[in-house]
Amino acid sequence: MLIKKHFSNTISNFVYYMFPDFVHQIREDMSWALYRGKVLSCSEKKDLEENIKNHFSCMISNIMEILSLRYMTDEKFISNVRIIGEENLHCALSAGKGAILLMAHFGNWEYIGYWLSRIAKVDIASFYLDQYSKTLDSFLNKGRINYGLKLIHREELKDAIKHLKNNGVLALISDQDGLSTGEYIYFFDRLVSAPKGVARFALKFKCPVIPVYIYRNMTDFSHNIVFGSDLSADHRKVTIPQEIQKHYSFFESIILSHPSEWLWAYKRWKSRRHVVRAAYNQKLPYYKNN
């Protein structure tokens, strides 16, 4: 662990100083999420830069762990991961309607699928999309299948529905852009398009939504996987926008608690044509407090 931590920190410092434009983009987004545009004090600036460096260190460690996951023994994996709130998932499944795992690109999210399918023996499936790189696509999906995760292409909705009706768990990562067909909500007070998948499944099939995330202990680089309480409310009284906004409030809470863990390299708030068009057509302010 100490060797991995030292190596990750070394590469993190290299990236931090050698790629200033990349660091600037992350600094702008992280500063907005954490401080909402306020003038930062010296201590806040120091904390921000430390979070950026820790972010690079976490991402580099994630890559190393994913590459070595297929060679890891169950005993070594278990010794490196602590599970919190597992009873929330089992309680949700006791209703017999399956469960949706609400996830973000946060921490080493591949570890969540590994623990559920290989260690906990949960019947879990996840949507996937074809990657730009066929080599990367093959590597990731082969590893996921080997440790027991079922893969469903995002266009095969019937398979996902069947899996839920068999009381299975469906993992959905929902923090990235929802394109022009998404729901327009506010994420850290900025207008974004959010995917509707989790909300639609939950409201249509009345299944529980369990938020789950993983974060790293920066002292020894071990992990904590946290299962939260069911986010699904009375399905008769909740609309899709309200449900999605609730999901994004969960994302905000974990990002504020562990800012280094989110995938800041993804430009979540960049100017997108469909968001600009929605703001104009629906008369939505780009910033919530405007």
Protein backbone atom coordinates (compact mmCIF):
# COMPACT_ATOMS: atom_id res chain seq x y z
CA MET A 1 0.00 0.00 0.00
CA LEU A 2 2.79 2.42 0.91
CA ILE A 3 4.57 1.75 -2.38
CA LYS A 4 1.36 2.35 -4.34
CA LYS A 5 0.67 5.53 -2.37
CA HIS A 6 4.19 6.85 -2.98
CA PHE A 7 4.04 6.03 -6.70
CA SER A 8 0.59 7.60 -7.11
CA ASN A 9 1.66 10.76 -5.30
CA THR A 10 4.77 11.03 -7.47
CA ILE A 11 2.82 10.77 -10.71
CA SER A 12 0.17 13.10 -9.29
CA ASN A 13 2.77 15.83 -8.73
CA PHE A 14 4.10 15.30 -12.25
CA VAL A 15 0.64 15.76 -13.78
CA TYR A 16 -0.10 18.75 -11.53
CA TYR A 17 2.98 20.69 -12.66
CA MET A 18 3.32 19.49 -16.27
CA PHE A 19 -0.26 19.95 -17.50
CA PRO A 20 -1.35 23.43 -16.33
CA ASP A 21 -4.30 23.77 -18.75
CA PHE A 22 -5.77 20.47 -17.58
CA VAL A 23 -5.24 21.42 -13.94
CA HIS A 24 -6.83 24.82 -14.58
CA GLN A 25 -10.03 23.23 -15.93
CA ILE A 26 -10.29 20.97 -12.88
CA ARG A 27 -9.53 23.88 -10.56
CA GLU A 28 -12.33 25.95 -12.09
CA ASP A 29 -14.93 23.19 -11.75
CA MET A 30 -13.86 22.06 -8.30
CA SER A 31 -13.71 25.63 -7.02
CA TRP A 32 -17.25 26.25 -8.25
CA ALA A 33 -18.60 23.05 -6.67
CA LEU A 34 -16.91 23.65 -3.32
CA TYR A 35 -17.12 27.44 -3.02
CA ARG A 36 -19.72 28.67 -5.59
CA GLY A 37 -17.54 31.46 -6.97
CA LYS A 38 -16.63 33.15 -3.66
CA VAL A 39 -13.25 34.81 -3.18
CA LEU A 40 -11.08 32.20 -1.48
CA SER A 41 -8.99 32.74 1.60
CA CYS A 42 -5.38 31.55 1.71
CA SER A 43 -6.37 28.40 3.61
CA GLU A 44 -9.19 27.65 1.15
CA LYS A 45 -6.81 28.04 -1.80
CA LYS A 46 -4.40 25.65 -0.11
CA ASP A 47 -7.17 23.12 0.52
CA LEU A 48 -8.31 23.39 -3.10
CA GLU A 49 -4.85 22.67 -4.48
CA GLU A 50 -4.44 19.77 -2.07
CA ASN A 51 -7.75 18.30 -3.25
CA ILE A 52 -6.61 18.58 -6.88
CA LYS A 53 -3.36 16.74 -6.15
CA ASN A 54 -5.24 14.10 -4.16
CA HIS A 55 -7.64 13.73 -7.08
CA PHE A 56 -4.82 12.86 -9.46
CA SER A 57 -3.38 10.46 -6.91
CA CYS A 58 -6.75 8.73 -6.52
CA MET A 59 -7.28 8.41 -10.27
CA ILE A 60 -3.81 6.96 -10.80
CA SER A 61 -4.36 4.47 -7.98
CA ASN A 62 -7.73 3.52 -9.50
CA ILE A 63 -6.07 2.69 -12.81
CA MET A 64 -3.42 0.58 -11.10
CA GLU A 65 -6.07 -1.27 -9.08
CA ILE A 66 -8.28 -1.96 -12.10
CA LEU A 67 -5.30 -3.34 -14.03
CA SER A 68 -4.43 -5.69 -11.16
CA LEU A 69 -7.98 -6.65 -10.19
CA ARG A 70 -8.08 -9.87 -12.21
CA TYR A 71 -4.96 -11.10 -10.40
CA MET A 72 -6.13 -10.18 -6.90
CA THR A 73 -7.16 -12.86 -4.42
CA ASP A 74 -10.47 -12.54 -2.61
CA GLU A 75 -8.63 -12.42 0.71
CA LYS A 76 -6.49 -9.49 -0.37
CA PHE A 77 -9.50 -7.64 -1.74
CA ILE A 78 -11.52 -8.14 1.44
CA SER A 79 -8.63 -6.93 3.60
CA ASN A 80 -8.52 -3.69 1.59
CA VAL A 81 -12.26 -2.87 1.61
CA ARG A 82 -14.67 -1.99 4.42
CA ILE A 83 -18.43 -2.29 3.81
CA ILE A 84 -20.86 0.18 5.40
CA GLY A 85 -24.66 -0.06 5.24
CA GLU A 86 -24.91 -3.45 3.51
CA GLU A 87 -28.17 -4.02 5.37
CA ASN A 88 -29.79 -1.24 3.30
CA LEU A 89 -29.35 -3.29 0.13
CA HIS A 90 -30.64 -6.51 1.69
CA CYS A 91 -33.66 -4.67 3.11
CA ALA A 92 -34.46 -3.29 -0.35
CA LEU A 93 -34.23 -6.74 -1.96
CA SER A 94 -36.52 -8.27 0.67
CA ALA A 95 -39.49 -6.60 -1.06
CA GLY A 96 -38.91 -8.83 -4.12
CA LYS A 97 -38.97 -6.01 -6.68
CA GLY A 98 -35.25 -5.88 -7.37
CA ALA A 99 -33.21 -2.78 -6.66
CA ILE A 100 -31.44 -0.04 -8.58
CA LEU A 101 -28.00 1.04 -7.44
CA LEU A 102 -27.53 4.77 -8.01
CA MET A 103 -23.86 5.37 -8.76
CA ALA A 104 -21.50 8.07 -9.96
CA HIS A 105 -18.03 8.07 -11.47
CA PHE A 106 -16.72 8.32 -7.94
CA GLY A 107 -13.78 6.57 -6.30
CA ASN A 108 -12.85 3.19 -7.75
CA TRP A 109 -16.40 2.33 -8.80
CA GLU A 110 -15.21 -0.94 -10.40
CA TYR A 111 -14.60 -2.24 -6.87
CA ILE A 112 -18.32 -1.96 -6.08
CA GLY A 113 -19.26 -4.33 -8.89
CA TYR A 114 -16.45 -6.71 -7.93
CA TRP A 115 -17.49 -6.87 -4.29
CA LEU A 116 -21.18 -7.34 -5.03
CA SER A 117 -20.81 -10.01 -7.71
CA ARG A 118 -17.75 -11.96 -6.54
CA ILE A 119 -17.65 -11.52 -2.76
CA ALA A 120 -21.29 -10.90 -1.75
CA LYS A 121 -22.68 -13.13 -4.54
CA VAL A 122 -25.42 -10.63 -5.43
CA ASP A 123 -27.19 -11.05 -8.76
CA ILE A 124 -26.05 -7.73 -10.25
CA ALA A 125 -26.14 -6.39 -13.79
CA SER A 126 -24.94 -3.13 -15.23
CA PHE A 127 -25.56 -1.19 -18.41
CA TYR A 128 -22.59 -0.59 -20.66
CA LEU A 129 -21.82 1.45 -23.75
CA ASP A 130 -19.23 0.67 -26.39
CA GLN A 131 -15.99 2.54 -25.64
CA TYR A 132 -14.08 4.54 -28.21
CA SER A 133 -11.25 2.02 -27.86
CA LYS A 134 -12.19 -1.57 -28.69
CA THR A 135 -9.12 -2.76 -26.79
CA LEU A 136 -10.18 -0.92 -23.63
CA ASP A 137 -13.76 -2.11 -24.13
CA SER A 138 -12.64 -5.73 -24.37
CA PHE A 139 -10.30 -5.48 -21.38
CA LEU A 140 -12.87 -3.91 -19.03
CA ASN A 141 -15.81 -6.07 -20.04
CA LYS A 142 -13.82 -9.31 -19.95
CA GLY A 143 -12.72 -8.53 -16.41
CA ARG A 144 -16.25 -7.66 -15.33
CA ILE A 145 -17.68 -10.86 -16.77
CA ASN A 146 -14.91 -12.94 -15.18
CA TYR A 147 -15.78 -11.77 -11.68
CA GLY A 148 -19.51 -12.36 -12.22
CA LEU A 149 -20.99 -9.02 -13.27
CA LYS A 150 -23.73 -9.32 -15.89
CA LEU A 151 -23.49 -6.78 -18.70
CA ILE A 152 -26.53 -5.37 -20.51
CA HIS A 153 -26.14 -3.07 -23.48
CA ARG A 154 -27.93 0.21 -22.88
CA GLU A 155 -30.24 -0.45 -25.82
CA GLU A 156 -31.42 -3.81 -24.43
CA LEU A 157 -34.02 -2.46 -22.00
CA LYS A 158 -36.07 -5.68 -21.99
CA ASP A 159 -33.13 -7.55 -20.46
CA ALA A 160 -32.82 -4.93 -17.72
CA ILE A 161 -36.53 -5.12 -16.93
CA LYS A 162 -36.39 -8.92 -16.77
CA HIS A 163 -33.41 -8.71 -14.42
CA LEU A 164 -35.28 -6.40 -12.03
CA LYS A 165 -38.41 -8.57 -12.10
CA ASN A 166 -36.23 -11.53 -11.06
CA ASN A 167 -35.26 -9.50 -7.95
CA GLY A 168 -31.86 -8.65 -9.37
CA VAL A 169 -29.78 -5.55 -8.77
CA LEU A 170 -29.29 -3.10 -11.63
CA ALA A 171 -26.35 -0.70 -11.30
CA LEU A 172 -26.68 2.61 -13.14
CA ILE A 173 -24.06 5.36 -13.27
CA SER A 174 -26.00 8.57 -13.73
CA ASP A 175 -23.76 11.58 -13.14
CA GLN A 176 -22.78 12.39 -16.74
CA ASP A 177 -24.58 14.36 -19.44
CA GLY A 178 -28.08 13.14 -20.36
CA LEU A 179 -27.89 14.59 -23.90
CA SER A 180 -30.88 16.32 -25.48
CA THR A 181 -33.26 13.62 -24.18
CA GLY A 182 -32.24 14.17 -20.55
CA GLU A 183 -34.01 16.03 -17.79
CA TYR A 184 -32.83 19.58 -17.12
CA ILE A 185 -32.05 20.05 -13.45
CA TYR A 186 -29.50 21.92 -11.33
CA PHE A 187 -26.21 20.37 -10.26
CA PHE A 188 -24.23 22.57 -7.88
CA ASP A 189 -26.60 25.38 -8.92
CA ARG A 190 -25.73 25.05 -12.63
CA LEU A 191 -28.17 23.89 -15.28
CA VAL A 192 -27.31 20.43 -16.67
CA SER A 193 -28.97 17.62 -18.59
CA ALA A 194 -29.29 14.47 -16.46
CA PRO A 195 -30.06 10.90 -17.58
CA LYS A 196 -33.65 9.80 -16.84
CA GLY A 197 -32.95 6.06 -16.58
CA VAL A 198 -32.89 5.57 -12.81
CA ALA A 199 -35.99 7.71 -12.21
CA ARG A 200 -37.96 6.05 -15.02
CA PHE A 201 -37.17 2.53 -13.83
CA ALA A 202 -37.93 3.39 -10.20
CA LEU A 203 -41.25 5.10 -10.91
CA LYS A 204 -42.46 2.61 -13.51
CA PHE A 205 -41.57 -0.59 -11.65
CA LYS A 206 -41.79 0.82 -8.11
CA CYS A 207 -38.42 -0.60 -7.15
CA PRO A 208 -36.12 0.83 -4.46
CA VAL A 209 -33.17 3.07 -5.33
CA ILE A 210 -30.10 2.47 -3.18
CA PRO A 211 -27.32 5.06 -3.45
CA VAL A 212 -23.86 3.56 -3.24
CA TYR A 213 -20.39 5.05 -3.42
CA ILE A 214 -16.80 4.20 -2.60
CA TYR A 215 -14.09 6.43 -1.22
CA ARG A 216 -10.44 5.99 -0.37
CA ASN A 217 -8.75 6.43 3.00
CA MET A 218 -5.88 8.74 2.08
CA THR A 219 -3.71 7.47 4.94
CA ASP A 220 -3.41 3.82 3.84
CA PHE A 221 -5.29 3.90 0.47
CA SER A 222 -7.83 1.30 1.61
CA HIS A 223 -11.48 1.70 0.56
CA ASN A 224 -14.92 2.16 2.10
CA ILE A 225 -18.03 1.07 0.16
CA VAL A 226 -21.13 2.80 1.50
CA PHE A 227 -24.74 1.74 0.82
CA GLY A 228 -27.22 4.49 1.69
CA SER A 229 -30.88 4.32 2.57
CA ASP A 230 -33.55 3.85 -0.10
CA LEU A 231 -34.11 7.11 -2.00
CA SER A 232 -37.40 6.09 -3.58
CA ALA A 233 -40.35 7.89 -2.03
CA ASP A 234 -44.09 7.49 -2.52
CA HIS A 235 -44.12 6.82 -6.27
CA ARG A 236 -47.57 8.36 -6.64
CA LYS A 237 -46.41 11.78 -5.49
CA VAL A 238 -43.02 12.16 -7.17
CA THR A 239 -42.31 13.36 -10.70
CA ILE A 240 -39.28 12.40 -12.78
CA PRO A 241 -37.63 15.85 -12.36
CA GLN A 242 -38.12 15.69 -8.58
CA GLU A 243 -36.69 12.18 -8.43
CA ILE A 244 -33.63 13.12 -10.50
CA GLN A 245 -33.00 16.28 -8.49
CA LYS A 246 -32.97 14.11 -5.37
CA HIS A 247 -30.41 11.82 -6.97
CA TYR A 248 -28.21 14.75 -7.86
CA SER A 249 -28.47 16.08 -4.31
CA PHE A 250 -26.94 12.76 -3.25
CA PHE A 251 -24.11 13.25 -5.77
CA GLU A 252 -23.51 16.74 -4.40
CA SER A 253 -23.32 15.45 -0.83
CA ILE A 254 -20.66 12.81 -1.53
CA ILE A 255 -18.61 15.17 -3.72
CA LEU A 256 -18.60 17.78 -0.96
CA SER A 257 -17.58 15.11 1.57
CA HIS A 258 -14.82 13.60 -0.61
CA PRO A 259 -14.01 16.09 -3.39
CA SER A 260 -10.89 14.29 -4.60
CA GLU A 261 -12.84 11.18 -5.58
CA TRP A 262 -15.11 12.45 -8.36
CA LEU A 263 -14.07 12.25 -12.02
CA TRP A 264 -13.26 15.94 -12.49
CA ALA A 265 -11.58 15.30 -15.84
CA TYR A 266 -15.07 14.96 -17.31
CA LYS A 267 -16.24 18.47 -18.26
CA ARG A 268 -19.65 18.28 -16.63
CA TRP A 269 -20.45 22.00 -16.95
CA LYS A 270 -19.00 22.79 -20.34
CA SER A 271 -21.31 24.68 -22.71
CA ARG A 272 -23.46 22.11 -24.51
CA ARG A 273 -25.82 23.05 -27.31
CA HIS A 274 -28.82 21.17 -25.93
CA VAL A 275 -28.43 22.78 -22.49
CA VAL A 276 -28.19 26.26 -24.01
CA ARG A 277 -31.25 25.53 -26.18
CA ALA A 278 -33.23 24.26 -23.18
CA ALA A 279 -32.32 27.32 -21.14
CA TYR A 280 -33.58 29.56 -23.93
CA ASN A 281 -36.75 27.61 -24.85
CA GLN A 282 -37.83 26.82 -21.30
CA LYS A 283 -36.67 30.17 -19.88
CA LEU A 284 -34.42 28.46 -17.37
CA PRO A 285 -31.60 30.44 -15.73
CA TYR A 286 -28.21 28.87 -16.30
CA TYR A 287 -27.37 29.53 -12.65
CA LYS A 288 -30.01 28.56 -10.11
CA ASN A 289 -29.85 31.74 -8.03
CA ASN A 290 -30.10 34.10 -11.03
